[in-house]
Every structure is written in structure tokens, then in C-alpha cells.
Amino acid sequence: MPELATQTTDTPLRRVNLSTARHMLREWKRLYVEARNGQLRLEDASRLAYLLQVGCRMYEVQTLEDRVVALETELEATANR
């Protein structure tokens, strides 16, 4: 696989679903296996794994924020009855 920073192939990149933590875990496992098998340079796998970690953290924060807003809305509706 060419170096990520200079990847200029005409081959379209594989679409990756990162919409849930489970999807991010699946992608992390794929990176790990590819790095272990020598299909992906360890440096590239490490960079991508770091980005997945950041994405997972942002997903976690967004999920918690959504849950807090839902609870606050429910509490407010209960208080106004």
C-alpha cells in the first residue's frame, strides 16, 4: 500500500462506516490485522488508529450530550404537568 501522505492512485478509497462505536471498533480491528500482516505500514496504521480514537471520543461525547438533552427535556415536561 502506498504511503498515506502521498497516496495518488486512481483507485477509489473504500467507504468506511464510522457511525457507531461498534463500527469504529471493526475498523480498528481491520487496521490491526492489516498492520500485523504487513499489508499496512505500522506508522500508517498508528495514525489511522489515533484518528479512530479521536472519532470514538467525539461519538461518546455526542451520545452523552444527546442523552442529557433528552433527560432534561423529559424532566422539564414532567415539571410542567
Protein backbone atom coordinates (compact mmCIF):
# COMPACT_ATOMS: atom_id res chain seq x y z
CA MET A 1 0.00 0.00 0.00
CA PRO A 2 1.42 3.43 -0.85
CA GLU A 3 2.26 5.86 1.90
CA LEU A 4 -0.85 7.68 3.13
CA ALA A 5 0.63 11.14 2.78
CA THR A 6 1.43 10.59 -0.89
CA GLN A 7 -1.38 8.30 -1.97
CA THR A 8 -2.20 9.32 -5.53
CA THR A 9 -3.75 6.21 -7.05
CA ASP A 10 -6.87 6.49 -9.16
CA THR A 11 -8.42 3.66 -7.17
CA PRO A 12 -11.34 5.00 -5.14
CA LEU A 13 -10.99 4.64 -1.39
CA ARG A 14 -13.13 2.04 0.35
CA ARG A 15 -16.12 3.62 2.10
CA VAL A 16 -15.94 3.16 5.86
CA ASN A 17 -18.96 3.34 8.13
CA LEU A 18 -17.99 5.09 11.37
CA SER A 19 -21.50 5.88 12.58
CA THR A 20 -21.26 3.87 15.81
CA ALA A 21 -18.59 2.84 18.28
CA ARG A 22 -19.06 -0.75 17.08
CA HIS A 23 -18.24 0.32 13.51
CA MET A 24 -15.15 2.15 14.74
CA LEU A 25 -14.06 -0.95 16.65
CA ARG A 26 -14.50 -3.04 13.50
CA GLU A 27 -12.34 -0.58 11.54
CA TRP A 28 -9.70 -0.57 14.29
CA LYS A 29 -9.58 -4.39 14.17
CA ARG A 30 -9.15 -4.27 10.38
CA LEU A 31 -6.26 -1.82 10.74
CA TYR A 32 -4.64 -4.01 13.37
CA VAL A 33 -4.89 -7.13 11.24
CA GLU A 34 -3.56 -5.35 8.15
CA ALA A 35 -0.62 -3.95 10.12
CA ARG A 36 0.12 -7.37 11.66
CA ASN A 37 0.05 -8.99 8.22
CA GLY A 38 2.33 -6.36 6.70
CA GLN A 39 -0.40 -5.05 4.39
CA LEU A 40 -0.30 -1.63 6.05
CA ARG A 41 2.72 0.17 7.40
CA LEU A 42 2.72 0.34 11.18
CA GLU A 43 3.15 4.13 11.05
CA ASP A 44 0.04 4.49 8.87
CA ALA A 45 -1.99 2.10 10.99
CA SER A 46 -0.96 4.03 14.10
CA ARG A 47 -2.04 7.35 12.60
CA LEU A 48 -5.37 5.97 11.47
CA ALA A 49 -5.95 4.26 14.82
CA TYR A 50 -5.32 7.59 16.55
CA LEU A 51 -7.92 9.26 14.33
CA LEU A 52 -10.37 6.46 15.14
CA GLN A 53 -9.70 7.02 18.84
CA VAL A 54 -10.49 10.72 18.46
CA GLY A 55 -13.62 9.90 16.48
CA CYS A 56 -14.73 7.42 19.11
CA ARG A 57 -14.24 10.03 21.83
CA MET A 58 -16.30 12.55 19.87
CA TYR A 59 -19.00 9.92 19.30
CA GLU A 60 -19.07 9.19 23.03
CA VAL A 61 -19.40 12.88 23.93
CA GLN A 62 -22.15 13.41 21.34
CA THR A 63 -24.06 10.36 22.59
CA LEU A 64 -23.84 11.54 26.18
CA GLU A 65 -24.87 15.06 25.19
CA ASP A 66 -27.90 13.71 23.31
CA ARG A 67 -28.91 11.62 26.31
CA VAL A 68 -28.57 14.56 28.72
CA VAL A 69 -30.70 16.77 26.44
CA ALA A 70 -33.36 14.03 26.25
CA LEU A 71 -33.38 13.66 30.04
CA GLU A 72 -33.57 17.42 30.57
CA THR A 73 -36.45 17.68 28.09
CA GLU A 74 -38.29 14.85 29.84
CA LEU A 75 -37.65 16.39 33.25
CA GLU A 76 -38.90 19.78 32.05
CA ALA A 77 -42.04 18.21 30.58
CA THR A 78 -42.69 16.36 33.84
CA ALA A 79 -42.20 19.53 35.88
CA ASN A 80 -44.70 21.45 33.71
CA ARG A 81 -47.54 18.94 34.27
